[in-house]
Amino acid sequence: MGVSAYNRSVCVYPINKFGDRCLLVETICQIDNNLRCQNGGQCIRADEYMISTRKFVCICPKGYIGDRCEIVDNKIILSFQKSIVLSQSIFIHFIQVINNSAPMRTTTFQTISLTKNSLIVYLSQPFHLVFIELLNKIYYLAVIQKTYEQSTTINKMINPSDRCRHIN
C-alpha cells in the first residue's frame, strides 16, 4: 500500500484483490469453479484501463497457449548421440516456409545439461525446418515437416549424419 501525489491510497494488490485499500475481492476468476483458464493456467483480472473487452487474462504454463490455455504447444524432444560434442548452450532455429514470400525464422537460445544430452523445446509458431546451432558454428538439421502440424510432439535423436556441411 502506498500514497499517491493527491494523498490517496494506492494499492499494489495481490492477484485476487483490488480497490484503493486492497479490500475488495475479485470474483471474475472464481466463476465457473475457476475453469476460466485450462491446463493449469492462472487467471488474472484484466486491468479496467486496458483497451479490451476481456474481463480476465490467462497466464499459461509452459507447453500451452491460447486465450484460455486451451491449445497444446508443439513439443520437440531433442536428444544428441554421444559422439556429438555439445556446448552447454545452443541456438535452435525454426524456419517457416511461406509461399511467394521470404522464409520466417524464429530462434531460441537454450541451455543443455551435459549429463542429460537432451532437451525439450516448446513452440507455438508454425515451422517447417528446425536447425540446431552449436556455439562453434556447427549446424545440424533436426526436423523437416512439409506440412505444419499444430500441437504435435516430435522426438528426434540428432546424429552426426544430420550435420550440415560448410558451404564455403
N, C-alpha and C. Protein backbone atom coordinates (compact mmCIF):
# COMPACT_ATOMS: atom_id res chain seq x y z
N MET A 1 0.85 -1.16 0.00
CA MET A 1 0.00 0.00 0.00
C MET A 1 0.90 1.22 0.00
N GLY A 2 0.54 2.22 -0.82
CA GLY A 2 1.30 3.46 -0.90
C GLY A 2 0.35 4.64 -0.92
N VAL A 3 0.90 5.83 -1.14
CA VAL A 3 0.10 7.05 -1.18
C VAL A 3 0.43 7.78 -2.46
N SER A 4 -0.62 8.25 -3.16
CA SER A 4 -0.43 8.96 -4.42
C SER A 4 -0.08 10.42 -4.16
N ALA A 5 0.19 11.17 -5.23
CA ALA A 5 0.51 12.59 -5.13
C ALA A 5 -0.67 13.39 -4.57
N TYR A 6 -1.87 12.85 -4.69
CA TYR A 6 -3.08 13.52 -4.18
C TYR A 6 -3.48 13.00 -2.81
N ASN A 7 -2.55 12.37 -2.12
CA ASN A 7 -2.76 11.83 -0.77
C ASN A 7 -3.87 10.77 -0.73
N ARG A 8 -4.00 10.01 -1.82
CA ARG A 8 -4.95 8.90 -1.87
C ARG A 8 -4.17 7.60 -1.79
N SER A 9 -4.81 6.59 -1.23
CA SER A 9 -4.17 5.28 -1.13
C SER A 9 -3.99 4.69 -2.51
N VAL A 10 -2.87 4.07 -2.73
CA VAL A 10 -2.61 3.35 -3.96
C VAL A 10 -2.30 1.92 -3.57
N CYS A 11 -3.04 1.00 -4.16
CA CYS A 11 -2.89 -0.41 -3.78
C CYS A 11 -2.11 -1.16 -4.85
N VAL A 12 -1.00 -1.75 -4.48
CA VAL A 12 -0.33 -2.72 -5.33
C VAL A 12 -0.86 -4.05 -4.82
N TYR A 13 -1.88 -4.53 -5.48
CA TYR A 13 -2.70 -5.58 -4.90
C TYR A 13 -2.26 -6.98 -5.29
N PRO A 14 -2.60 -7.94 -4.42
CA PRO A 14 -2.41 -9.33 -4.79
C PRO A 14 -3.34 -9.68 -5.95
N ILE A 15 -3.14 -10.81 -6.55
CA ILE A 15 -3.87 -11.19 -7.75
C ILE A 15 -5.39 -11.14 -7.59
N ASN A 16 -5.93 -11.54 -6.45
CA ASN A 16 -7.39 -11.61 -6.32
C ASN A 16 -7.99 -10.43 -5.56
N LYS A 17 -7.23 -9.36 -5.35
CA LYS A 17 -7.72 -8.18 -4.61
C LYS A 17 -7.62 -6.93 -5.47
N PHE A 18 -8.49 -5.94 -5.17
CA PHE A 18 -8.40 -4.66 -5.85
C PHE A 18 -9.06 -3.59 -4.98
N GLY A 19 -9.06 -2.36 -5.47
CA GLY A 19 -9.63 -1.25 -4.72
C GLY A 19 -8.55 -0.41 -4.08
N ASP A 20 -8.95 0.78 -3.59
CA ASP A 20 -7.99 1.71 -3.01
C ASP A 20 -7.20 1.11 -1.85
N ARG A 21 -7.86 0.27 -1.06
CA ARG A 21 -7.18 -0.28 0.12
C ARG A 21 -6.99 -1.80 0.03
N CYS A 22 -7.12 -2.34 -1.18
CA CYS A 22 -6.91 -3.78 -1.42
C CYS A 22 -7.88 -4.65 -0.62
N LEU A 23 -9.06 -4.14 -0.35
CA LEU A 23 -10.02 -4.89 0.46
C LEU A 23 -11.08 -5.59 -0.37
N LEU A 24 -11.25 -5.19 -1.62
CA LEU A 24 -12.27 -5.80 -2.46
C LEU A 24 -11.73 -7.09 -3.07
N VAL A 25 -12.57 -8.12 -3.06
CA VAL A 25 -12.16 -9.42 -3.59
C VAL A 25 -12.71 -9.57 -5.00
N GLU A 26 -11.84 -9.92 -5.93
CA GLU A 26 -12.22 -10.13 -7.33
C GLU A 26 -12.78 -11.53 -7.51
N THR A 27 -13.94 -11.62 -8.15
CA THR A 27 -14.57 -12.94 -8.32
C THR A 27 -14.60 -13.40 -9.77
N ILE A 28 -14.16 -12.58 -10.73
CA ILE A 28 -14.23 -12.96 -12.14
C ILE A 28 -13.50 -14.28 -12.40
N CYS A 29 -12.42 -14.52 -11.68
CA CYS A 29 -11.66 -15.75 -11.88
C CYS A 29 -12.22 -16.91 -11.05
N GLN A 30 -13.16 -16.65 -10.17
CA GLN A 30 -13.73 -17.70 -9.33
C GLN A 30 -15.00 -18.29 -9.94
N ILE A 31 -15.58 -17.59 -10.92
CA ILE A 31 -16.82 -18.06 -11.55
C ILE A 31 -16.54 -19.37 -12.30
N ASP A 32 -17.54 -20.21 -12.40
CA ASP A 32 -17.44 -21.50 -13.10
C ASP A 32 -16.41 -22.41 -12.47
N ASN A 33 -16.35 -22.41 -11.15
CA ASN A 33 -15.41 -23.28 -10.42
C ASN A 33 -13.97 -23.10 -10.89
N ASN A 34 -13.60 -21.84 -11.15
CA ASN A 34 -12.23 -21.50 -11.55
C ASN A 34 -11.81 -22.18 -12.86
N LEU A 35 -12.78 -22.38 -13.77
CA LEU A 35 -12.48 -23.03 -15.05
C LEU A 35 -12.26 -22.01 -16.17
N ARG A 36 -11.97 -20.79 -15.82
CA ARG A 36 -11.70 -19.77 -16.83
C ARG A 36 -10.48 -20.16 -17.66
N CYS A 37 -9.41 -20.56 -16.99
CA CYS A 37 -8.18 -20.95 -17.67
C CYS A 37 -8.02 -22.46 -17.57
N GLN A 38 -7.61 -23.07 -18.66
CA GLN A 38 -7.46 -24.52 -18.70
C GLN A 38 -5.99 -24.91 -18.50
N ASN A 39 -5.78 -26.19 -18.30
CA ASN A 39 -4.44 -26.79 -18.25
C ASN A 39 -3.50 -26.12 -17.25
N GLY A 40 -4.05 -25.71 -16.12
CA GLY A 40 -3.22 -25.13 -15.07
C GLY A 40 -2.88 -23.67 -15.27
N GLY A 41 -3.56 -23.00 -16.22
CA GLY A 41 -3.31 -21.58 -16.44
C GLY A 41 -3.79 -20.76 -15.26
N GLN A 42 -3.17 -19.60 -15.04
CA GLN A 42 -3.53 -18.74 -13.93
C GLN A 42 -4.38 -17.58 -14.44
N CYS A 43 -5.56 -17.42 -13.84
CA CYS A 43 -6.49 -16.37 -14.22
C CYS A 43 -6.11 -15.07 -13.51
N ILE A 44 -6.02 -13.99 -14.28
CA ILE A 44 -5.72 -12.66 -13.74
C ILE A 44 -6.80 -11.71 -14.23
N ARG A 45 -7.38 -10.95 -13.33
CA ARG A 45 -8.39 -9.96 -13.71
C ARG A 45 -7.74 -8.95 -14.65
N ALA A 46 -8.41 -8.63 -15.75
CA ALA A 46 -7.88 -7.66 -16.71
C ALA A 46 -7.94 -6.27 -16.11
N ASP A 47 -6.97 -5.47 -16.43
CA ASP A 47 -6.92 -4.09 -15.96
C ASP A 47 -8.09 -3.32 -16.57
N GLU A 48 -8.83 -2.61 -15.74
CA GLU A 48 -10.01 -1.88 -16.22
C GLU A 48 -9.64 -0.77 -17.20
N TYR A 49 -8.38 -0.37 -17.23
CA TYR A 49 -7.96 0.70 -18.13
C TYR A 49 -7.41 0.17 -19.45
N MET A 50 -7.35 -1.14 -19.60
CA MET A 50 -6.88 -1.73 -20.85
C MET A 50 -7.96 -1.57 -21.92
N ILE A 51 -7.53 -1.37 -23.15
CA ILE A 51 -8.49 -1.28 -24.25
C ILE A 51 -8.78 -2.71 -24.69
N SER A 52 -9.74 -3.31 -24.03
CA SER A 52 -10.09 -4.70 -24.32
C SER A 52 -11.47 -4.99 -23.75
N THR A 53 -12.15 -5.91 -24.39
CA THR A 53 -13.46 -6.32 -23.87
C THR A 53 -13.33 -7.50 -22.92
N ARG A 54 -12.14 -8.04 -22.82
CA ARG A 54 -11.93 -9.21 -21.96
C ARG A 54 -11.87 -8.79 -20.50
N LYS A 55 -12.50 -9.58 -19.65
CA LYS A 55 -12.54 -9.29 -18.22
C LYS A 55 -11.38 -9.95 -17.47
N PHE A 56 -10.72 -10.92 -18.12
CA PHE A 56 -9.61 -11.62 -17.47
C PHE A 56 -8.60 -12.04 -18.52
N VAL A 57 -7.41 -12.36 -18.05
CA VAL A 57 -6.32 -12.84 -18.90
C VAL A 57 -5.78 -14.11 -18.27
N CYS A 58 -5.44 -15.08 -19.09
CA CYS A 58 -4.84 -16.32 -18.58
C CYS A 58 -3.33 -16.29 -18.81
N ILE A 59 -2.58 -16.61 -17.78
CA ILE A 59 -1.14 -16.81 -17.92
C ILE A 59 -0.94 -18.31 -18.02
N CYS A 60 -0.50 -18.76 -19.18
CA CYS A 60 -0.42 -20.19 -19.46
C CYS A 60 0.89 -20.79 -18.97
N PRO A 61 0.85 -22.04 -18.52
CA PRO A 61 2.09 -22.72 -18.17
C PRO A 61 2.84 -23.12 -19.44
N LYS A 62 4.10 -23.46 -19.28
CA LYS A 62 4.91 -23.89 -20.41
C LYS A 62 4.22 -25.06 -21.10
N GLY A 63 4.13 -24.98 -22.42
CA GLY A 63 3.52 -26.06 -23.20
C GLY A 63 2.10 -25.78 -23.64
N TYR A 64 1.53 -24.62 -23.23
CA TYR A 64 0.15 -24.28 -23.61
C TYR A 64 0.07 -22.83 -24.06
N ILE A 65 -0.86 -22.58 -24.98
CA ILE A 65 -1.12 -21.22 -25.47
C ILE A 65 -2.62 -21.05 -25.65
N GLY A 66 -3.03 -19.87 -26.07
CA GLY A 66 -4.44 -19.58 -26.33
C GLY A 66 -5.01 -18.67 -25.26
N ASP A 67 -6.15 -18.06 -25.55
CA ASP A 67 -6.80 -17.15 -24.61
C ASP A 67 -7.08 -17.81 -23.27
N ARG A 68 -7.36 -19.11 -23.30
CA ARG A 68 -7.67 -19.85 -22.07
C ARG A 68 -6.70 -21.02 -21.84
N CYS A 69 -5.55 -20.96 -22.47
CA CYS A 69 -4.53 -22.03 -22.37
C CYS A 69 -5.08 -23.35 -22.88
N GLU A 70 -5.92 -23.27 -23.90
CA GLU A 70 -6.61 -24.45 -24.40
C GLU A 70 -5.86 -25.17 -25.52
N ILE A 71 -4.81 -24.57 -26.05
CA ILE A 71 -4.08 -25.16 -27.18
C ILE A 71 -2.74 -25.69 -26.69
N VAL A 72 -2.46 -26.93 -27.05
CA VAL A 72 -1.18 -27.54 -26.68
C VAL A 72 -0.12 -27.06 -27.65
N ASP A 73 0.99 -26.57 -27.12
CA ASP A 73 2.13 -26.15 -27.94
C ASP A 73 2.76 -27.36 -28.62
N ASN A 74 3.51 -27.09 -29.68
CA ASN A 74 4.36 -28.14 -30.24
C ASN A 74 5.44 -28.45 -29.22
N LYS A 75 5.72 -29.72 -29.06
CA LYS A 75 6.75 -30.16 -28.12
C LYS A 75 7.81 -30.91 -28.92
N ILE A 76 9.05 -30.44 -28.82
CA ILE A 76 10.14 -31.07 -29.56
C ILE A 76 11.15 -31.58 -28.54
N ILE A 77 11.34 -32.88 -28.55
CA ILE A 77 12.29 -33.52 -27.65
C ILE A 77 13.53 -33.85 -28.47
N LEU A 78 14.63 -33.20 -28.14
CA LEU A 78 15.88 -33.40 -28.88
C LEU A 78 16.88 -34.15 -28.01
N SER A 79 17.41 -35.22 -28.56
CA SER A 79 18.47 -35.98 -27.89
C SER A 79 19.67 -35.99 -28.82
N PHE A 80 20.85 -36.03 -28.24
CA PHE A 80 22.08 -35.97 -29.03
C PHE A 80 22.87 -37.25 -28.85
N GLN A 81 23.31 -37.82 -29.98
CA GLN A 81 24.13 -39.02 -29.96
C GLN A 81 25.41 -38.70 -29.21
N LYS A 82 25.90 -39.65 -28.45
CA LYS A 82 27.01 -39.42 -27.52
C LYS A 82 28.29 -38.91 -28.19
N SER A 83 28.50 -39.22 -29.46
CA SER A 83 29.74 -38.78 -30.12
C SER A 83 29.71 -37.29 -30.49
N ILE A 84 28.56 -36.64 -30.39
CA ILE A 84 28.46 -35.21 -30.69
C ILE A 84 28.93 -34.43 -29.47
N VAL A 85 29.94 -33.59 -29.68
CA VAL A 85 30.47 -32.78 -28.58
C VAL A 85 29.61 -31.52 -28.46
N LEU A 86 28.91 -31.43 -27.35
CA LEU A 86 27.96 -30.33 -27.14
C LEU A 86 28.58 -29.20 -26.34
N SER A 87 28.13 -28.00 -26.63
CA SER A 87 28.41 -26.88 -25.75
C SER A 87 27.23 -26.80 -24.78
N GLN A 88 27.38 -26.07 -23.70
CA GLN A 88 26.32 -26.02 -22.71
C GLN A 88 25.13 -25.21 -23.21
N SER A 89 25.35 -24.36 -24.19
CA SER A 89 24.28 -23.54 -24.76
C SER A 89 24.21 -23.78 -26.26
N ILE A 90 22.98 -23.76 -26.78
CA ILE A 90 22.79 -23.95 -28.22
C ILE A 90 21.70 -22.98 -28.70
N PHE A 91 21.73 -22.72 -30.00
CA PHE A 91 20.65 -21.97 -30.65
C PHE A 91 19.80 -22.98 -31.40
N ILE A 92 18.49 -22.78 -31.37
CA ILE A 92 17.58 -23.60 -32.15
C ILE A 92 16.84 -22.66 -33.09
N HIS A 93 17.01 -22.89 -34.39
CA HIS A 93 16.40 -22.04 -35.42
C HIS A 93 15.20 -22.77 -36.02
N PHE A 94 14.06 -22.12 -35.99
CA PHE A 94 12.82 -22.64 -36.59
C PHE A 94 12.54 -21.82 -37.83
N ILE A 95 12.37 -22.49 -38.97
CA ILE A 95 12.14 -21.82 -40.24
C ILE A 95 10.74 -22.17 -40.72
N GLN A 96 9.96 -21.12 -41.04
CA GLN A 96 8.65 -21.32 -41.65
C GLN A 96 8.75 -20.91 -43.11
N VAL A 97 8.40 -21.83 -44.01
CA VAL A 97 8.44 -21.57 -45.44
C VAL A 97 7.07 -21.01 -45.83
N ILE A 98 7.09 -19.83 -46.47
CA ILE A 98 5.85 -19.16 -46.85
C ILE A 98 5.85 -18.99 -48.36
N ASN A 99 4.78 -19.43 -49.02
CA ASN A 99 4.69 -19.30 -50.47
C ASN A 99 4.75 -17.83 -50.89
N ASN A 100 5.51 -17.56 -51.93
CA ASN A 100 5.65 -16.22 -52.51
C ASN A 100 6.13 -15.17 -51.51
N SER A 101 6.92 -15.59 -50.54
CA SER A 101 7.44 -14.66 -49.55
C SER A 101 8.75 -15.23 -48.98
N ALA A 102 9.48 -14.38 -48.31
CA ALA A 102 10.73 -14.84 -47.69
C ALA A 102 10.41 -15.73 -46.49
N PRO A 103 11.24 -16.73 -46.24
CA PRO A 103 11.02 -17.58 -45.06
C PRO A 103 11.10 -16.76 -43.77
N MET A 104 10.40 -17.21 -42.75
CA MET A 104 10.46 -16.55 -41.44
C MET A 104 11.25 -17.42 -40.49
N ARG A 105 12.15 -16.79 -39.72
CA ARG A 105 12.98 -17.52 -38.77
C ARG A 105 12.66 -17.07 -37.35
N THR A 106 12.53 -18.05 -36.48
CA THR A 106 12.42 -17.81 -35.04
C THR A 106 13.57 -18.56 -34.40
N THR A 107 14.32 -17.89 -33.54
CA THR A 107 15.48 -18.52 -32.90
C THR A 107 15.31 -18.47 -31.39
N THR A 108 15.62 -19.57 -30.75
CA THR A 108 15.60 -19.63 -29.29
C THR A 108 16.97 -20.08 -28.80
N PHE A 109 17.36 -19.58 -27.66
CA PHE A 109 18.63 -19.91 -27.03
C PHE A 109 18.32 -20.85 -25.87
N GLN A 110 18.95 -22.00 -25.83
CA GLN A 110 18.67 -22.99 -24.79
C GLN A 110 19.97 -23.46 -24.14
N THR A 111 19.87 -23.77 -22.88
CA THR A 111 21.00 -24.42 -22.21
C THR A 111 20.68 -25.90 -22.14
N ILE A 112 21.70 -26.68 -22.19
CA ILE A 112 21.52 -28.13 -22.19
C ILE A 112 22.39 -28.73 -21.10
N SER A 113 21.81 -29.63 -20.35
CA SER A 113 22.55 -30.32 -19.30
C SER A 113 23.50 -31.31 -19.95
N LEU A 114 24.78 -31.17 -19.68
CA LEU A 114 25.76 -32.06 -20.30
C LEU A 114 25.63 -33.49 -19.80
N THR A 115 24.99 -33.67 -18.65
CA THR A 115 24.79 -35.03 -18.14
C THR A 115 23.59 -35.70 -18.79
N LYS A 116 22.63 -34.91 -19.28
CA LYS A 116 21.42 -35.48 -19.88
C LYS A 116 21.54 -35.73 -21.38
N ASN A 117 22.23 -34.84 -22.09
CA ASN A 117 22.36 -34.94 -23.55
C ASN A 117 21.02 -34.79 -24.28
N SER A 118 20.04 -34.15 -23.64
CA SER A 118 18.75 -33.95 -24.29
C SER A 118 18.08 -32.70 -23.73
N LEU A 119 17.07 -32.22 -24.47
CA LEU A 119 16.30 -31.08 -24.00
C LEU A 119 14.92 -31.09 -24.64
N ILE A 120 14.01 -30.34 -24.05
CA ILE A 120 12.64 -30.22 -24.56
C ILE A 120 12.40 -28.76 -24.89
N VAL A 121 11.85 -28.51 -26.08
CA VAL A 121 11.55 -27.16 -26.54
C VAL A 121 10.06 -27.10 -26.87
N TYR A 122 9.40 -26.03 -26.45
CA TYR A 122 8.00 -25.79 -26.80
C TYR A 122 7.94 -24.60 -27.74
N LEU A 123 7.11 -24.70 -28.78
CA LEU A 123 6.99 -23.61 -29.73
C LEU A 123 5.55 -23.52 -30.22
N SER A 124 5.01 -22.30 -30.25
CA SER A 124 3.63 -22.12 -30.69
C SER A 124 3.54 -21.68 -32.15
N GLN A 125 4.61 -21.11 -32.71
CA GLN A 125 4.58 -20.65 -34.09
C GLN A 125 4.74 -21.81 -35.06
N PRO A 126 4.14 -21.68 -36.25
CA PRO A 126 4.32 -22.71 -37.28
C PRO A 126 5.78 -22.77 -37.73
N PHE A 127 6.22 -23.97 -38.10
CA PHE A 127 7.58 -24.15 -38.62
C PHE A 127 7.62 -25.36 -39.53
N HIS A 128 8.59 -25.37 -40.44
CA HIS A 128 8.79 -26.49 -41.36
C HIS A 128 10.16 -27.13 -41.19
N LEU A 129 11.15 -26.33 -40.79
CA LEU A 129 12.51 -26.83 -40.60
C LEU A 129 13.02 -26.40 -39.23
N VAL A 130 13.84 -27.27 -38.64
CA VAL A 130 14.49 -26.93 -37.37
C VAL A 130 15.98 -27.24 -37.52
N PHE A 131 16.81 -26.23 -37.22
CA PHE A 131 18.25 -26.39 -37.22
C PHE A 131 18.78 -26.17 -35.82
N ILE A 132 19.76 -26.96 -35.44
CA ILE A 132 20.46 -26.79 -34.17
C ILE A 132 21.81 -26.16 -34.49
N GLU A 133 22.16 -25.11 -33.78
CA GLU A 133 23.46 -24.46 -33.96
C GLU A 133 24.23 -24.54 -32.65
N LEU A 134 25.38 -25.21 -32.70
CA LEU A 134 26.26 -25.23 -31.54
C LEU A 134 27.08 -23.95 -31.54
N LEU A 135 27.66 -23.61 -30.41
CA LEU A 135 28.38 -22.34 -30.30
C LEU A 135 29.63 -22.26 -31.17
N ASN A 136 30.11 -23.40 -31.64
CA ASN A 136 31.28 -23.40 -32.53
C ASN A 136 30.87 -23.37 -34.00
N LYS A 137 29.65 -22.87 -34.27
CA LYS A 137 29.12 -22.69 -35.63
C LYS A 137 28.93 -24.00 -36.39
N ILE A 138 28.66 -25.07 -35.69
CA ILE A 138 28.32 -26.34 -36.32
C ILE A 138 26.80 -26.47 -36.29
N TYR A 139 26.22 -26.80 -37.44
CA TYR A 139 24.77 -26.88 -37.58
C TYR A 139 24.32 -28.31 -37.83
N TYR A 140 23.14 -28.64 -37.31
CA TYR A 140 22.51 -29.94 -37.55
C TYR A 140 21.07 -29.70 -37.99
N LEU A 141 20.64 -30.44 -39.01
CA LEU A 141 19.24 -30.40 -39.43
C LEU A 141 18.47 -31.36 -38.53
N ALA A 142 17.55 -30.83 -37.75
CA ALA A 142 16.86 -31.65 -36.76
C ALA A 142 15.50 -32.13 -37.24
N VAL A 143 14.73 -31.26 -37.88
CA VAL A 143 13.35 -31.61 -38.25
C VAL A 143 13.04 -31.05 -39.62
N ILE A 144 12.34 -31.87 -40.42
CA ILE A 144 11.73 -31.42 -41.67
C ILE A 144 10.28 -31.85 -41.63
N GLN A 145 9.36 -30.89 -41.78
CA GLN A 145 7.96 -31.26 -41.95
C GLN A 145 7.40 -30.45 -43.11
N LYS A 146 6.95 -31.16 -44.14
CA LYS A 146 6.44 -30.49 -45.33
C LYS A 146 5.18 -29.70 -45.02
N THR A 147 4.33 -30.27 -44.19
CA THR A 147 3.10 -29.60 -43.77
C THR A 147 3.15 -29.41 -42.27
N TYR A 148 2.94 -28.19 -41.82
CA TYR A 148 2.98 -27.90 -40.39
C TYR A 148 1.79 -28.56 -39.69
N GLU A 149 2.07 -29.20 -38.58
CA GLU A 149 1.02 -29.81 -37.76
C GLU A 149 1.07 -29.18 -36.38
N GLN A 150 -0.06 -28.60 -35.97
CA GLN A 150 -0.13 -27.95 -34.66
C GLN A 150 -0.30 -28.99 -33.56
N SER A 151 0.21 -28.68 -32.38
CA SER A 151 0.04 -29.49 -31.16
C SER A 151 0.59 -30.90 -31.32
N THR A 152 1.75 -31.02 -31.93
CA THR A 152 2.36 -32.35 -32.07
C THR A 152 3.59 -32.46 -31.18
N THR A 153 3.97 -33.70 -30.92
CA THR A 153 5.20 -33.99 -30.20
C THR A 153 6.17 -34.63 -31.19
N ILE A 154 7.34 -34.05 -31.31
CA ILE A 154 8.37 -34.57 -32.21
C ILE A 154 9.54 -35.03 -31.34
N ASN A 155 9.93 -36.27 -31.52
CA ASN A 155 11.04 -36.85 -30.77
C ASN A 155 12.17 -37.11 -31.76
N LYS A 156 13.31 -36.46 -31.60
CA LYS A 156 14.38 -36.58 -32.59
C LYS A 156 15.73 -36.81 -31.92
N MET A 157 16.42 -37.85 -32.36
CA MET A 157 17.80 -38.11 -31.96
C MET A 157 18.69 -37.46 -33.01
N ILE A 158 19.55 -36.53 -32.59
CA ILE A 158 20.47 -35.86 -33.50
C ILE A 158 21.72 -36.72 -33.63
N ASN A 159 22.01 -37.13 -34.87
CA ASN A 159 23.16 -37.99 -35.16
C ASN A 159 24.22 -37.20 -35.93
N PRO A 160 25.46 -37.66 -35.94
CA PRO A 160 26.50 -36.98 -36.72
C PRO A 160 26.11 -36.84 -38.20
N SER A 161 25.34 -37.77 -38.73
CA SER A 161 24.93 -37.69 -40.13
C SER A 161 23.95 -36.54 -40.40
N ASP A 162 23.38 -35.94 -39.36
CA ASP A 162 22.47 -34.80 -39.50
C ASP A 162 23.22 -33.47 -39.62
N ARG A 163 24.55 -33.53 -39.48
CA ARG A 163 25.35 -32.30 -39.52
C ARG A 163 25.32 -31.70 -40.92
N CYS A 164 25.15 -30.38 -40.98
CA CYS A 164 25.14 -29.67 -42.25
C CYS A 164 26.58 -29.38 -42.67
N ARG A 165 26.86 -29.58 -43.95
CA ARG A 165 28.20 -29.31 -44.46
C ARG A 165 28.41 -27.82 -44.63
N HIS A 166 29.67 -27.39 -44.52
CA HIS A 166 30.01 -25.99 -44.77
C HIS A 166 29.84 -25.69 -46.24
N ILE A 167 29.39 -24.48 -46.55
CA ILE A 167 29.20 -24.12 -47.96
C ILE A 167 30.33 -23.25 -48.49
N ASN A 168 31.30 -22.91 -47.68
CA ASN A 168 32.43 -22.09 -48.13
C ASN A 168 33.47 -22.96 -48.80
